[in-house]
Structures are given as C-alpha cells and as structure tokens.
C-alpha atoms as a PDB file:
ATOM      1  CA  MET A   1      10.128 -60.278 147.725  1.00  0.00           C
ATOM      2  CA  THR A   2      13.270 -60.435 149.865  1.00  0.00           C
ATOM      3  CA  SER A   3      13.443 -60.789 153.635  1.00  0.00           C
ATOM      4  CA  ALA A   4      14.339 -57.111 153.807  1.00  0.00           C
ATOM      5  CA  GLU A   5      11.011 -56.282 152.179  1.00  0.00           C
ATOM      6  CA  LEU A   6       8.915 -58.325 154.590  1.00  0.00           C
ATOM      7  CA  PRO A   7       6.952 -56.267 157.125  1.00  0.00           C
ATOM      8  CA  PRO A   8       8.834 -55.890 160.419  1.00  0.00           C
ATOM      9  CA  SER A   9       6.386 -58.151 162.267  1.00  0.00           C
ATOM     10  CA  ILE A  10       7.608 -61.144 160.242  1.00  0.00           C
ATOM     11  CA  ASP A  11      11.074 -62.687 160.343  1.00  0.00           C
ATOM     12  CA  ALA A  12      11.683 -64.461 157.040  1.00  0.00           C
ATOM     13  CA  SER A  13      13.995 -67.021 158.601  1.00  0.00           C
ATOM     14  CA  SER A  14      11.548 -68.018 161.329  1.00  0.00           C
ATOM     15  CA  SER A  15       8.416 -68.049 159.164  1.00  0.00           C
ATOM     16  CA  SER A  16       9.759 -69.801 156.074  1.00  0.00           C
ATOM     17  CA  VAL A  17       8.068 -73.013 154.986  1.00  0.00           C
ATOM     18  CA  THR A  18       9.082 -75.726 152.588  1.00  0.00           C
ATOM     19  CA  ALA A  19       6.908 -77.454 150.031  1.00  0.00           C
ATOM     20  CA  ARG A  20       6.901 -80.454 152.381  1.00  0.00           C
ATOM     21  CA  ASP A  21       5.585 -78.277 155.198  1.00  0.00           C
ATOM     22  CA  PHE A  22       2.802 -77.012 152.961  1.00  0.00           C
ATOM     23  CA  ALA A  23       1.823 -80.579 152.148  1.00  0.00           C
ATOM     24  CA  SER A  24       1.175 -81.252 155.821  1.00  0.00           C
ATOM     25  CA  THR A  25      -1.419 -79.845 158.165  1.00  0.00           C
ATOM     26  CA  GLY A  26      -0.557 -76.966 160.417  1.00  0.00           C
ATOM     27  CA  ARG A  27      -0.717 -74.374 157.666  1.00  0.00           C
ATOM     28  CA  ARG A  28      -1.356 -70.720 158.451  1.00  0.00           C
ATOM     29  CA  VAL A  29      -4.709 -69.662 157.040  1.00  0.00           C
ATOM     30  CA  LEU A  30      -6.373 -66.240 156.805  1.00  0.00           C
ATOM     31  CA  ILE A  31     -10.119 -66.308 156.174  1.00  0.00           C
ATOM     32  CA  SER A  32     -11.784 -62.967 155.519  1.00  0.00           C
ATOM     33  CA  GLY A  33     -15.340 -62.442 156.700  1.00  0.00           C
ATOM     34  CA  ALA A  34     -15.168 -65.327 159.165  1.00  0.00           C
ATOM     35  CA  SER A  35     -17.365 -64.070 161.994  1.00  0.00           C
ATOM     36  CA  ARG A  36     -20.380 -66.180 161.022  1.00  0.00           C
ATOM     37  CA  GLY A  37     -22.095 -68.036 158.173  1.00  0.00           C
ATOM     38  CA  LEU A  38     -19.863 -69.496 155.508  1.00  0.00           C
ATOM     39  CA  GLY A  39     -16.800 -67.831 157.031  1.00  0.00           C
ATOM     40  CA  ARG A  40     -17.371 -69.672 160.294  1.00  0.00           C
ATOM     41  CA  ALA A  41     -17.844 -72.972 158.446  1.00  0.00           C
ATOM     42  CA  LEU A  42     -14.613 -72.336 156.550  1.00  0.00           C
ATOM     43  CA  ALA A  43     -12.685 -71.598 159.729  1.00  0.00           C
ATOM     44  CA  GLN A  44     -14.026 -74.752 161.351  1.00  0.00           C
ATOM     45  CA  ALA A  45     -13.128 -76.889 158.327  1.00  0.00           C
ATOM     46  CA  PHE A  46      -9.523 -75.678 158.200  1.00  0.00           C
ATOM     47  CA  ALA A  47      -9.100 -75.980 161.961  1.00  0.00           C
ATOM     48  CA  ALA A  48     -10.460 -79.547 161.885  1.00  0.00           C
ATOM     49  CA  ASN A  49      -7.869 -80.231 159.180  1.00  0.00           C
ATOM     50  CA  GLY A  50      -5.127 -79.302 161.641  1.00  0.00           C
ATOM     51  CA  ASP A  51      -4.479 -75.807 160.294  1.00  0.00           C
ATOM     52  CA  ARG A  52      -4.170 -72.615 162.331  1.00  0.00           C
ATOM     53  CA  VAL A  53      -6.677 -69.939 161.380  1.00  0.00           C
ATOM     54  CA  ALA A  54      -6.806 -66.153 161.505  1.00  0.00           C
ATOM     55  CA  VAL A  55     -10.490 -65.267 161.862  1.00  0.00           C
ATOM     56  CA  HIS A  56     -11.127 -61.918 160.205  1.00  0.00           C
ATOM     57  CA  PHE A  57     -14.064 -59.754 161.221  1.00  0.00           C
ATOM     58  CA  GLY A  58     -15.196 -56.271 160.323  1.00  0.00           C
ATOM     59  CA  SER A  59     -17.597 -55.085 163.020  1.00  0.00           C
ATOM     60  CA  ARG A  60     -18.944 -58.329 164.545  1.00  0.00           C
ATOM     61  CA  ARG A  61     -16.233 -59.001 167.106  1.00  0.00           C
ATOM     62  CA  GLY A  62     -18.583 -60.923 169.377  1.00  0.00           C
ATOM     63  CA  GLU A  63     -19.547 -63.290 166.568  1.00  0.00           C
ATOM     64  CA  ALA A  64     -15.890 -63.676 165.584  1.00  0.00           C
ATOM     65  CA  GLU A  65     -15.032 -64.624 169.146  1.00  0.00           C
ATOM     66  CA  LYS A  66     -17.723 -67.331 168.962  1.00  0.00           C
ATOM     67  CA  THR A  67     -16.115 -68.610 165.771  1.00  0.00           C
ATOM     68  CA  LEU A  68     -12.694 -68.614 167.423  1.00  0.00           C
ATOM     69  CA  ALA A  69     -14.026 -70.511 170.446  1.00  0.00           C
ATOM     70  CA  SER A  70     -15.584 -73.148 168.182  1.00  0.00           C
ATOM     71  CA  LEU A  71     -12.332 -74.081 166.423  1.00  0.00           C
ATOM     72  CA  ALA A  72     -10.562 -77.359 167.004  1.00  0.00           C
ATOM     73  CA  GLY A  73      -6.903 -77.199 167.935  1.00  0.00           C
ATOM     74  CA  THR A  74      -4.881 -74.243 169.167  1.00  0.00           C
ATOM     75  CA  GLY A  75      -2.962 -71.258 167.830  1.00  0.00           C
ATOM     76  CA  HIS A  76      -5.889 -69.521 166.152  1.00  0.00           C
ATOM     77  CA  VAL A  77      -6.142 -65.714 166.230  1.00  0.00           C
ATOM     78  CA  LEU A  78      -8.569 -62.867 165.590  1.00  0.00           C
ATOM     79  CA  ALA A  79      -7.770 -60.315 162.880  1.00  0.00           C
ATOM     80  CA  GLY A  80     -10.244 -57.447 162.940  1.00  0.00           C
ATOM     81  CA  GLY A  81     -10.294 -54.593 160.487  1.00  0.00           C
ATOM     82  CA  ASP A  82     -11.997 -52.737 157.652  1.00  0.00           C
ATOM     83  CA  LEU A  83     -11.092 -54.356 154.335  1.00  0.00           C
ATOM     84  CA  SER A  84     -12.681 -51.617 152.244  1.00  0.00           C
ATOM     85  CA  THR A  85      -9.505 -49.519 152.297  1.00  0.00           C
ATOM     86  CA  PRO A  86      -5.937 -50.453 151.288  1.00  0.00           C
ATOM     87  CA  ASP A  87      -4.596 -49.533 154.732  1.00  0.00           C
ATOM     88  CA  GLY A  88      -7.288 -51.590 156.410  1.00  0.00           C
ATOM     89  CA  ALA A  89      -6.489 -54.639 154.294  1.00  0.00           C
ATOM     90  CA  ARG A  90      -2.788 -54.248 155.072  1.00  0.00           C
ATOM     91  CA  ALA A  91      -3.503 -54.081 158.804  1.00  0.00           C
ATOM     92  CA  VAL A  92      -5.605 -57.256 158.661  1.00  0.00           C
ATOM     93  CA  ALA A  93      -2.931 -59.157 156.729  1.00  0.00           C
ATOM     94  CA  GLU A  94      -0.187 -58.023 159.110  1.00  0.00           C
ATOM     95  CA  THR A  95      -2.240 -58.946 162.176  1.00  0.00           C
ATOM     96  CA  ALA A  96      -2.970 -62.388 160.744  1.00  0.00           C
ATOM     97  CA  ALA A  97       0.598 -63.067 159.650  1.00  0.00           C
ATOM     98  CA  GLY A  98       1.999 -61.721 162.889  1.00  0.00           C
ATOM     99  CA  GLY A  99      -0.303 -63.901 164.974  1.00  0.00           C
ATOM    100  CA  LEU A 100       0.264 -67.048 162.925  1.00  0.00           C
ATOM    101  CA  GLY A 101       3.928 -66.512 162.043  1.00  0.00           C
ATOM    102  CA  GLY A 102       3.267 -66.239 158.310  1.00  0.00           C
ATOM    103  CA  LEU A 103       0.599 -67.094 155.742  1.00  0.00           C
ATOM    104  CA  ASP A 104       0.220 -70.215 153.631  1.00  0.00           C
ATOM    105  CA  VAL A 105      -3.447 -69.985 152.611  1.00  0.00           C
ATOM    106  CA  LEU A 106      -5.791 -67.065 151.969  1.00  0.00           C
ATOM    107  CA  VAL A 107      -9.537 -67.526 151.584  1.00  0.00           C
ATOM    108  CA  ASN A 108     -11.232 -64.390 150.259  1.00  0.00           C
ATOM    109  CA  ASN A 109     -14.731 -64.776 151.649  1.00  0.00           C
ATOM    110  CA  ALA A 110     -15.738 -61.289 152.859  1.00  0.00           C
ATOM    111  CA  ALA A 111     -18.440 -59.727 150.692  1.00  0.00           C
ATOM    112  CA  VAL A 112     -21.226 -57.168 150.534  1.00  0.00           C
ATOM    113  CA  ASN A 113     -24.569 -58.119 148.988  1.00  0.00           C
ATOM    114  CA  LEU A 114     -27.141 -55.326 149.240  1.00  0.00           C
ATOM    115  CA  PRO A 115     -30.222 -55.061 146.986  1.00  0.00           C
ATOM    116  CA  HIS A 116     -30.237 -52.147 144.510  1.00  0.00           C
ATOM    117  CA  PRO A 117     -32.612 -52.857 141.591  1.00  0.00           C
ATOM    118  CA  LEU A 118     -32.107 -50.063 139.086  1.00  0.00           C
ATOM    119  CA  ALA A 119     -35.765 -49.162 138.488  1.00  0.00           C
ATOM    120  CA  THR A 120     -36.496 -48.502 142.150  1.00  0.00           C
ATOM    121  CA  THR A 121     -33.127 -47.261 143.411  1.00  0.00           C
ATOM    122  CA  SER A 122     -32.192 -43.579 143.445  1.00  0.00           C
ATOM    123  CA  TYR A 123     -29.030 -42.593 141.638  1.00  0.00           C
ATOM    124  CA  GLU A 124     -27.379 -41.636 144.926  1.00  0.00           C
ATOM    125  CA  ASP A 125     -28.161 -45.022 146.481  1.00  0.00           C
ATOM    126  CA  TRP A 126     -27.157 -46.794 143.267  1.00  0.00           C
ATOM    127  CA  ALA A 127     -23.738 -45.118 143.232  1.00  0.00           C
ATOM    128  CA  ALA A 128     -23.218 -45.838 146.931  1.00  0.00           C
ATOM    129  CA  ALA A 129     -24.124 -49.508 146.453  1.00  0.00           C
ATOM    130  CA  TRP A 130     -21.653 -49.900 143.619  1.00  0.00           C
ATOM    131  CA  GLN A 131     -18.908 -48.198 145.609  1.00  0.00           C
ATOM    132  CA  SER A 132     -19.515 -50.488 148.572  1.00  0.00           C
ATOM    133  CA  HIS A 133     -19.558 -53.668 146.484  1.00  0.00           C
ATOM    134  CA  VAL A 134     -16.441 -52.772 144.508  1.00  0.00           C
ATOM    135  CA  SER A 135     -14.518 -51.752 147.633  1.00  0.00           C
ATOM    136  CA  VAL A 136     -15.208 -54.956 149.557  1.00  0.00           C
ATOM    137  CA  ASN A 137     -15.965 -57.670 147.009  1.00  0.00           C
ATOM    138  CA  LEU A 138     -13.298 -56.785 144.449  1.00  0.00           C
ATOM    139  CA  LEU A 139     -10.668 -54.400 145.780  1.00  0.00           C
ATOM    140  CA  ALA A 140     -10.364 -56.046 149.182  1.00  0.00           C
ATOM    141  CA  THR A 141      -9.947 -59.400 147.432  1.00  0.00           C
ATOM    142  CA  ALA A 142      -7.262 -57.940 145.165  1.00  0.00           C
ATOM    143  CA  ASN A 143      -5.455 -56.215 148.030  1.00  0.00           C
ATOM    144  CA  LEU A 144      -5.467 -59.210 150.368  1.00  0.00           C
ATOM    145  CA  SER A 145      -4.307 -61.406 147.497  1.00  0.00           C
ATOM    146  CA  HIS A 146      -1.317 -59.136 146.884  1.00  0.00           C
ATOM    147  CA  LEU A 147      -0.435 -58.977 150.575  1.00  0.00           C
ATOM    148  CA  ALA A 148      -0.755 -62.720 151.126  1.00  0.00           C
ATOM    149  CA  ALA A 149       0.941 -63.795 147.894  1.00  0.00           C
ATOM    150  CA  SER A 150       3.867 -61.454 148.527  1.00  0.00           C
ATOM    151  CA  ARG A 151       4.414 -63.162 151.868  1.00  0.00           C
ATOM    152  CA  MET A 152       4.113 -66.606 150.314  1.00  0.00           C
ATOM    153  CA  ILE A 153       6.714 -65.673 147.705  1.00  0.00           C
ATOM    154  CA  GLY A 154       9.027 -64.381 150.425  1.00  0.00           C
ATOM    155  CA  GLN A 155       8.566 -67.552 152.467  1.00  0.00           C
ATOM    156  CA  GLY A 156       9.491 -69.670 149.459  1.00  0.00           C
ATOM    157  CA  GLY A 157       7.161 -72.577 150.175  1.00  0.00           C
ATOM    158  CA  GLY A 158       4.253 -71.995 147.821  1.00  0.00           C
ATOM    159  CA  GLY A 159       0.694 -71.492 148.986  1.00  0.00           C
ATOM    160  CA  ARG A 160      -2.944 -71.264 148.019  1.00  0.00           C
ATOM    161  CA  ILE A 161      -5.516 -68.533 147.443  1.00  0.00           C
ATOM    162  CA  VAL A 162      -9.184 -69.474 147.139  1.00  0.00           C
ATOM    163  CA  ASN A 163     -11.812 -66.879 146.273  1.00  0.00           C
ATOM    164  CA  VAL A 164     -15.500 -67.232 147.107  1.00  0.00           C
ATOM    165  CA  GLY A 165     -17.296 -66.074 143.974  1.00  0.00           C
ATOM    166  CA  SER A 166     -20.890 -66.720 142.970  1.00  0.00           C
ATOM    167  CA  ARG A 167     -23.256 -68.378 140.537  1.00  0.00           C
ATOM    168  CA  GLY A 168     -24.586 -64.849 140.059  1.00  0.00           C
ATOM    169  CA  ALA A 169     -21.467 -63.954 138.082  1.00  0.00           C
ATOM    170  CA  PHE A 170     -22.787 -66.139 135.261  1.00  0.00           C
ATOM    171  CA  ARG A 171     -26.572 -66.018 135.393  1.00  0.00           C
ATOM    172  CA  GLY A 172     -26.998 -62.371 136.383  1.00  0.00           C
ATOM    173  CA  GLU A 173     -28.378 -60.754 139.533  1.00  0.00           C
ATOM    174  CA  PRO A 174     -31.211 -58.361 138.526  1.00  0.00           C
ATOM    175  CA  ASP A 175     -31.763 -57.020 142.048  1.00  0.00           C
ATOM    176  CA  HIS A 176     -28.061 -57.157 142.991  1.00  0.00           C
ATOM    177  CA  PRO A 177     -26.203 -56.184 139.805  1.00  0.00           C
ATOM    178  CA  ALA A 178     -23.082 -54.890 141.558  1.00  0.00           C
ATOM    179  CA  TYR A 179     -22.801 -58.187 143.410  1.00  0.00           C
ATOM    180  CA  GLY A 180     -22.943 -60.215 140.193  1.00  0.00           C
ATOM    181  CA  ALA A 181     -20.499 -57.895 138.438  1.00  0.00           C
ATOM    182  CA  THR A 182     -17.944 -57.863 141.244  1.00  0.00           C
ATOM    183  CA  LYS A 183     -18.102 -61.623 141.638  1.00  0.00           C
ATOM    184  CA  ALA A 184     -17.443 -62.019 137.912  1.00  0.00           C
ATOM    185  CA  ALA A 185     -14.439 -59.752 138.366  1.00  0.00           C
ATOM    186  CA  VAL A 186     -13.256 -61.878 141.290  1.00  0.00           C
ATOM    187  CA  HIS A 187     -13.351 -64.973 139.071  1.00  0.00           C
ATOM    188  CA  ALA A 188     -11.310 -63.178 136.404  1.00  0.00           C
ATOM    189  CA  LEU A 189      -8.841 -61.886 138.979  1.00  0.00           C
ATOM    190  CA  GLY A 190      -8.323 -65.390 140.296  1.00  0.00           C
ATOM    191  CA  GLN A 191      -7.559 -66.739 136.845  1.00  0.00           C
ATOM    192  CA  SER A 192      -5.072 -63.949 136.129  1.00  0.00           C
ATOM    193  CA  LEU A 193      -3.302 -64.562 139.427  1.00  0.00           C
ATOM    194  CA  ALA A 194      -3.301 -68.321 138.840  1.00  0.00           C
ATOM    195  CA  VAL A 195      -1.169 -67.823 135.728  1.00  0.00           C
ATOM    196  CA  HIS A 196       1.098 -65.239 137.341  1.00  0.00           C
ATOM    197  CA  LEU A 197       1.705 -67.050 140.631  1.00  0.00           C
ATOM    198  CA  ALA A 198       2.146 -70.628 139.405  1.00  0.00           C
ATOM    199  CA  PRO A 199       5.949 -70.250 139.010  1.00  0.00           C
ATOM    200  CA  TYR A 200       6.072 -69.516 142.749  1.00  0.00           C
ATOM    201  CA  GLY A 201       4.132 -72.658 143.648  1.00  0.00           C
ATOM    202  CA  ILE A 202       1.014 -70.683 144.539  1.00  0.00           C
ATOM    203  CA  GLY A 203      -2.285 -72.066 143.295  1.00  0.00           C
ATOM    204  CA  VAL A 204      -5.302 -69.786 142.895  1.00  0.00           C
ATOM    205  CA  ALA A 205      -8.876 -70.959 142.374  1.00  0.00           C
ATOM    206  CA  SER A 206     -12.448 -69.802 142.951  1.00  0.00           C
ATOM    207  CA  VAL A 207     -15.743 -71.371 143.916  1.00  0.00           C
ATOM    208  CA  ALA A 208     -19.072 -70.184 142.495  1.00  0.00           C
ATOM    209  CA  PRO A 209     -21.787 -71.223 144.946  1.00  0.00           C
ATOM    210  CA  GLY A 210     -25.482 -71.066 144.329  1.00  0.00           C
ATOM    211  CA  PHE A 211     -27.886 -70.522 147.202  1.00  0.00           C
ATOM    212  CA  PHE A 212     -26.679 -71.979 150.495  1.00  0.00           C
ATOM    213  CA  GLU A 213     -28.145 -71.843 153.974  1.00  0.00           C
ATOM    214  CA  THR A 214     -26.769 -69.516 156.634  1.00  0.00           C
ATOM    215  CA  GLU A 215     -28.390 -67.577 159.455  1.00  0.00           C
ATOM    216  CA  ARG A 216     -28.330 -64.445 157.271  1.00  0.00           C
ATOM    217  CA  VAL A 217     -30.732 -65.938 154.722  1.00  0.00           C
ATOM    218  CA  ALA A 218     -32.695 -68.297 156.968  1.00  0.00           C
ATOM    219  CA  HIS A 219     -35.763 -66.034 156.829  1.00  0.00           C
ATOM    220  CA  ARG A 220     -35.891 -66.393 153.032  1.00  0.00           C
ATOM    221  CA  LEU A 221     -36.083 -70.176 153.178  1.00  0.00           C
ATOM    222  CA  GLY A 222     -39.420 -70.185 154.957  1.00  0.00           C
ATOM    223  CA  GLY A 223     -42.763 -70.248 153.164  1.00  0.00           C
ATOM    224  CA  ALA A 224     -43.343 -69.793 149.450  1.00  0.00           C
ATOM    225  CA  GLU A 225     -40.031 -68.066 148.716  1.00  0.00           C
ATOM    226  CA  GLY A 226     -38.147 -70.965 150.260  1.00  0.00           C
ATOM    227  CA  ASP A 227     -40.002 -73.424 148.033  1.00  0.00           C
ATOM    228  CA  VAL A 228     -39.053 -71.414 144.943  1.00  0.00           C
ATOM    229  CA  ILE A 229     -35.413 -71.212 146.002  1.00  0.00           C
ATOM    230  CA  ARG A 230     -35.173 -74.950 146.686  1.00  0.00           C
ATOM    231  CA  ALA A 231     -36.859 -75.729 143.374  1.00  0.00           C
ATOM    232  CA  GLN A 232     -33.987 -74.022 141.518  1.00  0.00           C
ATOM    233  CA  SER A 233     -32.012 -77.243 141.990  1.00  0.00           C
ATOM    234  CA  PRO A 234     -33.209 -80.648 140.780  1.00  0.00           C
ATOM    235  CA  PHE A 235     -32.096 -81.947 144.170  1.00  0.00           C
ATOM    236  CA  GLY A 236     -34.907 -79.880 145.675  1.00  0.00           C
ATOM    237  CA  ARG A 237     -32.755 -78.268 148.337  1.00  0.00           C
ATOM    238  CA  VAL A 238     -30.078 -75.646 148.930  1.00  0.00           C
ATOM    239  CA  ALA A 239     -26.490 -76.305 149.937  1.00  0.00           C
ATOM    240  CA  SER A 240     -25.155 -76.209 153.445  1.00  0.00           C
ATOM    241  CA  ALA A 241     -22.266 -73.934 154.330  1.00  0.00           C
ATOM    242  CA  ASP A 242     -20.294 -77.064 155.215  1.00  0.00           C
ATOM    243  CA  GLU A 243     -20.578 -78.327 151.640  1.00  0.00           C
ATOM    244  CA  ILE A 244     -19.080 -75.102 150.300  1.00  0.00           C
ATOM    245  CA  ALA A 245     -16.363 -75.182 152.958  1.00  0.00           C
ATOM    246  CA  ALA A 246     -15.393 -78.738 152.019  1.00  0.00           C
ATOM    247  CA  ALA A 247     -14.804 -77.696 148.408  1.00  0.00           C
ATOM    248  CA  VAL A 248     -12.734 -74.690 149.473  1.00  0.00           C
ATOM    249  CA  LEU A 249     -10.669 -76.902 151.780  1.00  0.00           C
ATOM    250  CA  TRP A 250      -9.886 -79.231 148.875  1.00  0.00           C
ATOM    251  CA  LEU A 251      -8.959 -76.377 146.517  1.00  0.00           C
ATOM    252  CA  ALA A 252      -6.559 -75.123 149.191  1.00  0.00           C
ATOM    253  CA  SER A 253      -4.944 -78.534 149.550  1.00  0.00           C
ATOM    254  CA  PRO A 254      -1.665 -79.769 148.042  1.00  0.00           C
ATOM    255  CA  ALA A 255      -3.673 -82.275 145.985  1.00  0.00           C
ATOM    256  CA  ALA A 256      -5.482 -79.475 144.136  1.00  0.00           C
ATOM    257  CA  GLU A 257      -2.492 -77.757 142.543  1.00  0.00           C
ATOM    258  CA  TRP A 258      -3.625 -78.811 139.058  1.00  0.00           C
ATOM    259  CA  ALA A 259      -7.004 -77.178 139.706  1.00  0.00           C
ATOM    260  CA  SER A 260      -5.348 -73.757 139.850  1.00  0.00           C
ATOM    261  CA  GLY A 261      -7.229 -71.325 137.649  1.00  0.00           C
ATOM    262  CA  THR A 262     -10.533 -73.132 137.946  1.00  0.00           C
ATOM    263  CA  VAL A 263     -13.893 -71.648 138.862  1.00  0.00           C
ATOM    264  CA  LEU A 264     -15.741 -74.501 140.558  1.00  0.00           C
ATOM    265  CA  ASP A 265     -19.524 -74.439 140.263  1.00  0.00           C
ATOM    266  CA  LEU A 266     -21.274 -75.442 143.497  1.00  0.00           C
ATOM    267  CA  ASN A 267     -24.933 -74.937 142.714  1.00  0.00           C
ATOM    268  CA  GLY A 268     -26.624 -78.357 142.678  1.00  0.00           C
ATOM    269  CA  ALA A 269     -27.205 -78.169 138.898  1.00  0.00           C
ATOM    270  CA  SER A 270     -29.373 -75.079 139.422  1.00  0.00           C
ATOM    271  CA  TYR A 271     -27.395 -73.257 136.732  1.00  0.00           C
ATOM    272  CA  LEU A 272     -25.394 -75.000 134.028  1.00  0.00           C
ATOM    273  CA  ARG A 273     -22.982 -72.872 132.021  1.00  0.00           C
ATOM    274  CA  THR A 274     -21.456 -73.900 128.712  1.00  0.00           C
END
C-alpha cells in the first residue's frame, strides 16, 4: 500500500513508525467492542502500558465514555460505528486512525452471542441469528483486519492483530451454534493472516477464553448455575476480564512475534484439546 493509497485523513510521512517505535510504548491501538466488559479491561491494560487507545462502541456511547475516562495517560479517542457493514467498519478504522495518527495494534473483540438452540428456535429467528453472528463476529473481524493491516503495511513499521476467539470454537456451543462456528472461523482467519502478514512484520494471534466474569454475565454466576460454571475448571472459579486482557497485551507485544499464528487457550483447564 503506497502513501497515495492511504485514506486522506492519514499522512504517510507523519504517521510512519519504525520497528524501534513499535518496540516501545506509545503505540496506536484500536479495540473493537470496548464500551464495557472485556473491551474495557483491554483498553485499560493497553493504556496502562503507555499506549494510546481508540475505544470503539456500537450503541453504548455512555459506557464507552466511561471507559475513555478510566484510561491512564492521554491521547485516547472514541470511535463509534456499526461494524456489521463494510462501510461501517471502514468508518470506524478511519476515525481511529485519524484520531491516533495511525494504527499499530488491532484487537478484534466485538462480538454477538445470542442464544438460538435449533430445537426451540423458529427458522426465521435461526436465520437472523446466523446473519447477525456472521456479520459481527466474522466479517467485521475480517474487514477491520484488512483495514488495519493495510495501514500497518503502508506505515512500514510492522504491527499486531489479536483476535478474541472462544473455547466454544473447539468444544461446541449447543445453544449458541453460530457463536461457536464464527469463533472457529475467526481462529482460522487469524492463522491465515499470520502467514500472509509475517513478511510485513505484522504478527497475528488469537485467544480462546473460557467463561470469564463481566457485568453482562454476572447474573449467571449466582446460585446453582454459578456453581456449575465454576466447577468446569479444576481451579473452581472463572477468569477475570483482567486475566484475558493481560494475555492479549502480551500477544500484542514485540516479545510475542514468535507466537504469531497461535490460538492461546485461556480456560483454566476447563477444556483440553489435543
């Protein structure tokens, strides 16, 4: 990608980075789905590392503003938009890159996870659920990856892409089959891009978390269901969002280049794949 092909909001000469720059803090990081939960923990982890963060949100602007206000350091920006369409993904990437002056790291965290068990879901609702999951979980990840990697190539300083996948890609999700299927596709996409983008100094990896605690699932961790969920791991607990964020931060680091292509299990030994 030449400087002439960069979107007009970005000047290639002013936004270029060297490999040495990438090895330091102060990187420019876009995190999708960062208004709350894991996305907020991710934004906080990168900001605490000295990076500048573009906090993406879909409809929860108020929550995204809380995330932004919680970040250490300065220079962070909001990047709102609908990732379910190609034009929406492009607008988010351009807002983030314009606000930060480029992109060095992309974390694909935004996802849909709606129940749709086949036996009790109408065909119309089934088809709608699959469309929603594919549009956000897979296509938005693919589109943002193209937009971010193209910028990284144009900048010439390498970069990182980290995808948030799921344990469900391996063990199956009987009540959320589109979620499991799209997360498996995200893992495969990441491995394909890892091979393709390595010559440009861009590492690509994925994490596959098991159950972790956020406000969205807090109600499930109470009572009998919570006991069953915690018993899935021999540690007798679920992960915190901060634990997942710490792994993502490492995979996005200069030290993790040789981990490109990996899918890192983060499930407390609740599911062991061979």
